[in-house]
Amino acid sequence: MPTRLQLLKDRHAGERCVIVANGPSLNKMDLSFLPDETSIAMNKIFLGFESLGFYPNYYVAVNRKVIEQSVDQINAINCVKFISNFNGQSYLTESGLTYFVNTANPPARFCTDLSQGMHEGWTVTHAALQIAYYLGFVEVIIIGMDHRFEFHGRPNEAQKMIGSDPNHFHPDYFADGQLWDNPDLEHSEESYRAARKAYEADGRRIIDATVNGACEIFEKADYRQIFGV
């Protein structure tokens, strides 16, 4: 008997999706195309449901601080949600829409079978790429993955946000006084390379259509040409 998570495998086989990351470049885009696309969003995207004008089909969160700060909002999201069991089970409950995925002991840097685990990859975008693969999407367009941050201290070090958040699409993404984890761009890029390798080995594509994005791992394209806006 397949598990609930196994029943989701390849439900979008052969289709295209958009992964919506949370960089400030989202505010520079015409996102009118998004309601017509299947989308995977993440973390505190709920802060932009009205201003960005879309609602995701899928949602993912793996960071403990984000989950702890957003319990009520995540519970209120009305779409299929993938949550790290390691970081989320203390705050959220599995439900008809909420799936816990094992991130404590992932079998690979890029996991093709979510029922066996998922690698957090030092960036939630990497988790979203594994979810998109498992759901069967053959073309994944990433937007909002700016891959540049203002921060001080060491990678992965917890810091307290002072003032407005300059690194995300909303100034209160990490509100003044909230804790957040410094990015680890080197390890994130290692994860992205693993994702690209897995996709291309299976004849699939990842396209980075972020406006002025700094990540150089994926194939680049202009979102306006892809979506005709």
C-alpha atoms as a PDB file:
ATOM      1  CA  MET A   1       0.000   0.000   0.000  1.00  0.00           C
ATOM      2  CA  PRO A   2       1.633   3.314  -1.045  1.00  0.00           C
ATOM      3  CA  THR A   3       2.014   6.081   1.503  1.00  0.00           C
ATOM      4  CA  ARG A   4       0.339   9.486   1.093  1.00  0.00           C
ATOM      5  CA  LEU A   5       3.638  10.929  -0.087  1.00  0.00           C
ATOM      6  CA  GLN A   6       4.166   8.145  -2.620  1.00  0.00           C
ATOM      7  CA  LEU A   7       0.756   8.884  -4.130  1.00  0.00           C
ATOM      8  CA  LEU A   8       2.078  12.315  -5.172  1.00  0.00           C
ATOM      9  CA  LYS A   9       4.939  10.935  -7.256  1.00  0.00           C
ATOM     10  CA  ASP A  10       4.805  12.026 -10.910  1.00  0.00           C
ATOM     11  CA  ARG A  11       1.379  13.625 -10.582  1.00  0.00           C
ATOM     12  CA  HIS A  12       2.690  16.369 -12.919  1.00  0.00           C
ATOM     13  CA  ALA A  13       4.732  14.136 -15.224  1.00  0.00           C
ATOM     14  CA  GLY A  14       5.832  15.999 -18.356  1.00  0.00           C
ATOM     15  CA  GLU A  15       4.615  19.422 -17.173  1.00  0.00           C
ATOM     16  CA  ARG A  16       6.233  22.799 -16.422  1.00  0.00           C
ATOM     17  CA  CYS A  17       6.297  24.595 -13.075  1.00  0.00           C
ATOM     18  CA  VAL A  18       7.571  27.851 -11.624  1.00  0.00           C
ATOM     19  CA  ILE A  19       9.559  27.915  -8.391  1.00  0.00           C
ATOM     20  CA  VAL A  20       8.995  31.274  -6.711  1.00  0.00           C
ATOM     21  CA  ALA A  21      11.909  32.199  -4.451  1.00  0.00           C
ATOM     22  CA  ASN A  22      11.758  35.199  -2.137  1.00  0.00           C
ATOM     23  CA  GLY A  23      14.302  37.711  -3.419  1.00  0.00           C
ATOM     24  CA  PRO A  24      13.551  41.437  -3.833  1.00  0.00           C
ATOM     25  CA  SER A  25      13.677  41.031  -7.611  1.00  0.00           C
ATOM     26  CA  LEU A  26      10.087  39.739  -7.438  1.00  0.00           C
ATOM     27  CA  ASN A  27       9.066  43.380  -6.966  1.00  0.00           C
ATOM     28  CA  LYS A  28      10.624  44.246 -10.336  1.00  0.00           C
ATOM     29  CA  MET A  29       8.609  41.669 -12.287  1.00  0.00           C
ATOM     30  CA  ASP A  30       5.283  41.568 -14.052  1.00  0.00           C
ATOM     31  CA  LEU A  31       3.873  38.479 -12.341  1.00  0.00           C
ATOM     32  CA  SER A  32       0.546  38.471 -14.169  1.00  0.00           C
ATOM     33  CA  PHE A  33       1.483  35.108 -15.703  1.00  0.00           C
ATOM     34  CA  LEU A  34       1.751  33.296 -12.373  1.00  0.00           C
ATOM     35  CA  PRO A  35      -1.940  32.457 -11.801  1.00  0.00           C
ATOM     36  CA  ASP A  36      -1.846  30.489 -15.069  1.00  0.00           C
ATOM     37  CA  GLU A  37       1.228  28.452 -14.050  1.00  0.00           C
ATOM     38  CA  THR A  38       1.711  25.642 -11.552  1.00  0.00           C
ATOM     39  CA  SER A  39       3.863  27.180  -8.837  1.00  0.00           C
ATOM     40  CA  ILE A  40       5.918  26.068  -5.859  1.00  0.00           C
ATOM     41  CA  ALA A  41       6.543  28.789  -3.285  1.00  0.00           C
ATOM     42  CA  MET A  42       8.363  28.832   0.016  1.00  0.00           C
ATOM     43  CA  ASN A  43       8.980  30.217   3.470  1.00  0.00           C
ATOM     44  CA  LYS A  44       7.254  33.591   4.039  1.00  0.00           C
ATOM     45  CA  ILE A  45       5.724  33.937   0.581  1.00  0.00           C
ATOM     46  CA  PHE A  46       2.377  34.493   2.331  1.00  0.00           C
ATOM     47  CA  LEU A  47       3.505  38.096   2.920  1.00  0.00           C
ATOM     48  CA  GLY A  48       3.115  38.655  -0.823  1.00  0.00           C
ATOM     49  CA  PHE A  49      -0.106  36.857  -1.683  1.00  0.00           C
ATOM     50  CA  GLU A  50      -1.908  40.169  -2.248  1.00  0.00           C
ATOM     51  CA  SER A  51       0.929  42.376  -3.479  1.00  0.00           C
ATOM     52  CA  LEU A  52       2.373  39.762  -5.835  1.00  0.00           C
ATOM     53  CA  GLY A  53      -1.057  38.666  -7.053  1.00  0.00           C
ATOM     54  CA  PHE A  54      -0.811  34.885  -6.949  1.00  0.00           C
ATOM     55  CA  TYR A  55      -1.442  31.869  -4.731  1.00  0.00           C
ATOM     56  CA  PRO A  56       0.869  28.834  -4.973  1.00  0.00           C
ATOM     57  CA  ASN A  57      -0.127  25.283  -5.802  1.00  0.00           C
ATOM     58  CA  TYR A  58       2.600  23.920  -3.532  1.00  0.00           C
ATOM     59  CA  TYR A  59       4.495  25.280  -0.543  1.00  0.00           C
ATOM     60  CA  VAL A  60       7.740  24.217   1.134  1.00  0.00           C
ATOM     61  CA  ALA A  61       9.502  25.177   4.380  1.00  0.00           C
ATOM     62  CA  VAL A  62      12.538  23.525   5.943  1.00  0.00           C
ATOM     63  CA  ASN A  63      14.145  26.212   8.129  1.00  0.00           C
ATOM     64  CA  ARG A  64      13.320  25.935  11.828  1.00  0.00           C
ATOM     65  CA  LYS A  65      13.331  29.685  12.481  1.00  0.00           C
ATOM     66  CA  VAL A  66      11.019  30.379   9.545  1.00  0.00           C
ATOM     67  CA  ILE A  67       8.606  27.649  10.650  1.00  0.00           C
ATOM     68  CA  GLU A  68       8.618  28.747  14.284  1.00  0.00           C
ATOM     69  CA  GLN A  69       7.944  32.369  13.297  1.00  0.00           C
ATOM     70  CA  SER A  70       5.161  31.445  10.848  1.00  0.00           C
ATOM     71  CA  VAL A  71       3.090  28.650  12.404  1.00  0.00           C
ATOM     72  CA  ASP A  72      -0.293  30.365  12.077  1.00  0.00           C
ATOM     73  CA  GLN A  73       0.367  31.580   8.537  1.00  0.00           C
ATOM     74  CA  ILE A  74       1.623  28.183   7.349  1.00  0.00           C
ATOM     75  CA  ASN A  75      -1.406  26.462   8.854  1.00  0.00           C
ATOM     76  CA  ALA A  76      -3.638  28.912   6.987  1.00  0.00           C
ATOM     77  CA  ILE A  77      -2.072  28.269   3.568  1.00  0.00           C
ATOM     78  CA  ASN A  78      -4.604  26.330   1.498  1.00  0.00           C
ATOM     79  CA  CYS A  79      -2.400  24.212  -0.752  1.00  0.00           C
ATOM     80  CA  VAL A  80      -0.243  21.101  -0.528  1.00  0.00           C
ATOM     81  CA  LYS A  81       2.615  21.801   1.888  1.00  0.00           C
ATOM     82  CA  PHE A  82       5.951  20.005   2.254  1.00  0.00           C
ATOM     83  CA  ILE A  83       7.579  20.546   5.640  1.00  0.00           C
ATOM     84  CA  SER A  84      10.853  19.276   7.097  1.00  0.00           C
ATOM     85  CA  ASN A  85       9.997  16.680   9.725  1.00  0.00           C
ATOM     86  CA  PHE A  86      13.225  17.454  11.578  1.00  0.00           C
ATOM     87  CA  ASN A  87      12.483  21.174  11.884  1.00  0.00           C
ATOM     88  CA  GLY A  88       8.696  21.272  11.666  1.00  0.00           C
ATOM     89  CA  GLN A  89       7.131  18.515  13.740  1.00  0.00           C
ATOM     90  CA  SER A  90       7.503  20.505  16.959  1.00  0.00           C
ATOM     91  CA  TYR A  91       5.374  23.312  15.502  1.00  0.00           C
ATOM     92  CA  LEU A  92       3.027  21.850  12.873  1.00  0.00           C
ATOM     93  CA  THR A  93       0.770  18.821  12.553  1.00  0.00           C
ATOM     94  CA  GLU A  94       0.478  16.546   9.541  1.00  0.00           C
ATOM     95  CA  SER A  95      -2.879  16.977   7.819  1.00  0.00           C
ATOM     96  CA  GLY A  96      -4.645  16.385   4.532  1.00  0.00           C
ATOM     97  CA  LEU A  97      -2.574  19.178   2.957  1.00  0.00           C
ATOM     98  CA  THR A  98       0.578  18.950   5.063  1.00  0.00           C
ATOM     99  CA  TYR A  99       3.261  16.368   4.335  1.00  0.00           C
ATOM    100  CA  PHE A 100       6.316  15.897   6.519  1.00  0.00           C
ATOM    101  CA  VAL A 101       9.429  14.910   4.578  1.00  0.00           C
ATOM    102  CA  ASN A 102      12.483  13.382   6.251  1.00  0.00           C
ATOM    103  CA  THR A 103      15.391  15.848   6.128  1.00  0.00           C
ATOM    104  CA  ALA A 104      17.306  14.413   9.085  1.00  0.00           C
ATOM    105  CA  ASN A 105      19.120  11.675   7.150  1.00  0.00           C
ATOM    106  CA  PRO A 106      18.740  12.284   3.406  1.00  0.00           C
ATOM    107  CA  PRO A 107      20.221   9.550   1.210  1.00  0.00           C
ATOM    108  CA  ALA A 108      21.824  11.957  -1.292  1.00  0.00           C
ATOM    109  CA  ARG A 109      22.641  15.625  -1.903  1.00  0.00           C
ATOM    110  CA  PHE A 110      19.776  15.627  -4.407  1.00  0.00           C
ATOM    111  CA  CYS A 111      17.013  13.161  -3.548  1.00  0.00           C
ATOM    112  CA  THR A 112      14.803  11.992  -6.405  1.00  0.00           C
ATOM    113  CA  ASP A 113      12.443  10.035  -4.123  1.00  0.00           C
ATOM    114  CA  LEU A 114      10.894  12.136  -1.352  1.00  0.00           C
ATOM    115  CA  SER A 115       9.602   9.017   0.354  1.00  0.00           C
ATOM    116  CA  GLN A 116      13.256   8.245   1.132  1.00  0.00           C
ATOM    117  CA  GLY A 117      14.131  11.770   2.256  1.00  0.00           C
ATOM    118  CA  MET A 118      15.018  15.269   1.077  1.00  0.00           C
ATOM    119  CA  HIS A 119      18.251  17.237   1.437  1.00  0.00           C
ATOM    120  CA  GLU A 120      17.828  20.752   2.828  1.00  0.00           C
ATOM    121  CA  GLY A 121      20.839  21.816   0.764  1.00  0.00           C
ATOM    122  CA  TRP A 122      21.531  25.024   2.724  1.00  0.00           C
ATOM    123  CA  THR A 123      18.698  26.695   0.790  1.00  0.00           C
ATOM    124  CA  VAL A 124      14.971  26.055   0.605  1.00  0.00           C
ATOM    125  CA  THR A 125      15.156  26.472  -3.173  1.00  0.00           C
ATOM    126  CA  HIS A 126      17.094  23.207  -3.318  1.00  0.00           C
ATOM    127  CA  ALA A 127      14.282  21.508  -1.400  1.00  0.00           C
ATOM    128  CA  ALA A 128      11.785  22.946  -3.897  1.00  0.00           C
ATOM    129  CA  LEU A 129      13.811  21.531  -6.790  1.00  0.00           C
ATOM    130  CA  GLN A 130      13.655  18.051  -5.258  1.00  0.00           C
ATOM    131  CA  ILE A 131       9.898  18.410  -4.776  1.00  0.00           C
ATOM    132  CA  ALA A 132       9.445  19.534  -8.389  1.00  0.00           C
ATOM    133  CA  TYR A 133      11.443  16.524  -9.587  1.00  0.00           C
ATOM    134  CA  TYR A 134       9.413  14.111  -7.466  1.00  0.00           C
ATOM    135  CA  LEU A 135       6.155  15.574  -8.767  1.00  0.00           C
ATOM    136  CA  GLY A 136       7.352  14.857 -12.304  1.00  0.00           C
ATOM    137  CA  PHE A 137       7.933  18.329 -13.750  1.00  0.00           C
ATOM    138  CA  VAL A 138      10.303  18.223 -16.706  1.00  0.00           C
ATOM    139  CA  GLU A 139      10.877  21.977 -16.961  1.00  0.00           C
ATOM    140  CA  VAL A 140      11.364  24.166 -13.907  1.00  0.00           C
ATOM    141  CA  ILE A 141      11.552  27.960 -14.160  1.00  0.00           C
ATOM    142  CA  ILE A 142      13.033  29.718 -11.122  1.00  0.00           C
ATOM    143  CA  ILE A 143      12.223  33.341 -10.362  1.00  0.00           C
ATOM    144  CA  GLY A 144      13.151  35.507  -7.379  1.00  0.00           C
ATOM    145  CA  MET A 145      16.398  33.638  -6.633  1.00  0.00           C
ATOM    146  CA  ASP A 146      18.577  36.749  -6.345  1.00  0.00           C
ATOM    147  CA  HIS A 147      21.430  34.831  -4.674  1.00  0.00           C
ATOM    148  CA  ARG A 148      22.850  37.959  -3.048  1.00  0.00           C
ATOM    149  CA  PHE A 149      22.475  39.002   0.572  1.00  0.00           C
ATOM    150  CA  GLU A 150      23.516  41.772   2.915  1.00  0.00           C
ATOM    151  CA  PHE A 151      24.766  40.190   6.129  1.00  0.00           C
ATOM    152  CA  HIS A 152      27.615  40.145   8.616  1.00  0.00           C
ATOM    153  CA  GLY A 153      29.165  37.195  10.392  1.00  0.00           C
ATOM    154  CA  ARG A 154      29.808  33.670   9.194  1.00  0.00           C
ATOM    155  CA  PRO A 155      27.646  31.542   6.884  1.00  0.00           C
ATOM    156  CA  ASN A 156      24.819  29.745   8.740  1.00  0.00           C
ATOM    157  CA  GLU A 157      25.343  31.930  11.824  1.00  0.00           C
ATOM    158  CA  ALA A 158      22.169  33.151  13.518  1.00  0.00           C
ATOM    159  CA  GLN A 159      21.759  36.919  13.431  1.00  0.00           C
ATOM    160  CA  LYS A 160      19.137  39.379  14.646  1.00  0.00           C
ATOM    161  CA  MET A 161      17.562  41.497  11.909  1.00  0.00           C
ATOM    162  CA  ILE A 162      18.034  45.215  12.526  1.00  0.00           C
ATOM    163  CA  GLY A 163      15.542  47.434  10.721  1.00  0.00           C
ATOM    164  CA  SER A 164      13.971  46.469   7.406  1.00  0.00           C
ATOM    165  CA  ASP A 165      14.962  43.239   5.678  1.00  0.00           C
ATOM    166  CA  PRO A 166      16.974  44.133   2.535  1.00  0.00           C
ATOM    167  CA  ASN A 167      17.274  40.549   1.297  1.00  0.00           C
ATOM    168  CA  HIS A 168      13.686  39.577   0.543  1.00  0.00           C
ATOM    169  CA  PHE A 169      10.680  40.928  -1.341  1.00  0.00           C
ATOM    170  CA  HIS A 170       9.003  42.281   1.808  1.00  0.00           C
ATOM    171  CA  PRO A 171      10.679  44.626   4.335  1.00  0.00           C
ATOM    172  CA  ASP A 172       9.215  42.622   7.227  1.00  0.00           C
ATOM    173  CA  TYR A 173      10.164  39.206   5.840  1.00  0.00           C
ATOM    174  CA  PHE A 174      12.455  38.880   8.824  1.00  0.00           C
ATOM    175  CA  ALA A 175      11.050  41.673  10.919  1.00  0.00           C
ATOM    176  CA  ASP A 176      13.128  43.999  13.056  1.00  0.00           C
ATOM    177  CA  GLY A 177      14.429  41.949  15.992  1.00  0.00           C
ATOM    178  CA  GLN A 178      13.706  38.523  14.498  1.00  0.00           C
ATOM    179  CA  LEU A 179      16.430  35.899  14.237  1.00  0.00           C
ATOM    180  CA  TRP A 180      17.489  34.564  10.848  1.00  0.00           C
ATOM    181  CA  ASP A 181      20.307  32.331   9.587  1.00  0.00           C
ATOM    182  CA  ASN A 182      23.045  33.824   7.448  1.00  0.00           C
ATOM    183  CA  PRO A 183      23.115  32.360   3.932  1.00  0.00           C
ATOM    184  CA  ASP A 184      25.757  29.857   2.878  1.00  0.00           C
ATOM    185  CA  LEU A 185      26.171  30.621  -0.801  1.00  0.00           C
ATOM    186  CA  GLU A 186      29.059  28.204  -1.358  1.00  0.00           C
ATOM    187  CA  HIS A 187      27.148  25.187  -0.087  1.00  0.00           C
ATOM    188  CA  SER A 188      23.981  26.410  -1.805  1.00  0.00           C
ATOM    189  CA  GLU A 189      25.817  26.423  -5.132  1.00  0.00           C
ATOM    190  CA  GLU A 190      27.087  22.894  -4.504  1.00  0.00           C
ATOM    191  CA  SER A 191      23.470  21.848  -3.999  1.00  0.00           C
ATOM    192  CA  TYR A 192      22.366  23.595  -7.179  1.00  0.00           C
ATOM    193  CA  ARG A 193      25.049  21.790  -9.157  1.00  0.00           C
ATOM    194  CA  ALA A 194      23.758  18.484  -7.822  1.00  0.00           C
ATOM    195  CA  ALA A 195      20.218  19.486  -8.810  1.00  0.00           C
ATOM    196  CA  ARG A 196      21.234  20.451 -12.337  1.00  0.00           C
ATOM    197  CA  LYS A 197      23.137  17.196 -12.773  1.00  0.00           C
ATOM    198  CA  ALA A 198      20.135  15.118 -11.648  1.00  0.00           C
ATOM    199  CA  TYR A 199      17.687  16.992 -13.885  1.00  0.00           C
ATOM    200  CA  GLU A 200      19.849  16.842 -16.988  1.00  0.00           C
ATOM    201  CA  ALA A 201      20.654  13.157 -16.449  1.00  0.00           C
ATOM    202  CA  ASP A 202      16.915  12.533 -16.781  1.00  0.00           C
ATOM    203  CA  GLY A 203      16.396  14.849 -19.765  1.00  0.00           C
ATOM    204  CA  ARG A 204      14.841  17.630 -17.679  1.00  0.00           C
ATOM    205  CA  ARG A 205      15.672  21.354 -17.472  1.00  0.00           C
ATOM    206  CA  ILE A 206      16.109  23.992 -14.784  1.00  0.00           C
ATOM    207  CA  ILE A 207      15.967  27.565 -16.111  1.00  0.00           C
ATOM    208  CA  ASP A 208      16.884  30.546 -13.937  1.00  0.00           C
ATOM    209  CA  ALA A 209      14.696  33.459 -15.046  1.00  0.00           C
ATOM    210  CA  THR A 210      15.449  35.644 -12.015  1.00  0.00           C
ATOM    211  CA  VAL A 211      15.739  39.324 -12.888  1.00  0.00           C
ATOM    212  CA  ASN A 212      19.430  40.233 -12.473  1.00  0.00           C
ATOM    213  CA  GLY A 213      20.072  37.077 -10.477  1.00  0.00           C
ATOM    214  CA  ALA A 214      23.630  36.434  -9.266  1.00  0.00           C
ATOM    215  CA  CYS A 215      23.539  32.626  -9.408  1.00  0.00           C
ATOM    216  CA  GLU A 216      25.522  31.242 -12.366  1.00  0.00           C
ATOM    217  CA  ILE A 217      24.734  27.533 -11.927  1.00  0.00           C
ATOM    218  CA  PHE A 218      21.644  27.178 -14.110  1.00  0.00           C
ATOM    219  CA  GLU A 219      20.717  27.993 -17.686  1.00  0.00           C
ATOM    220  CA  LYS A 220      19.534  31.620 -17.903  1.00  0.00           C
ATOM    221  CA  ALA A 221      16.516  33.103 -19.678  1.00  0.00           C
ATOM    222  CA  ASP A 222      14.382  36.261 -19.705  1.00  0.00           C
ATOM    223  CA  TYR A 223      11.085  35.529 -17.950  1.00  0.00           C
ATOM    224  CA  ARG A 224       9.258  37.919 -20.301  1.00  0.00           C
ATOM    225  CA  GLN A 225      10.173  35.795 -23.294  1.00  0.00           C
ATOM    226  CA  ILE A 226       9.221  32.575 -21.532  1.00  0.00           C
ATOM    227  CA  PHE A 227       5.837  33.765 -20.335  1.00  0.00           C
ATOM    228  CA  GLY A 228       5.029  36.380 -22.956  1.00  0.00           C
ATOM    229  CA  VAL A 229       4.561  39.367 -20.622  1.00  0.00           C
END
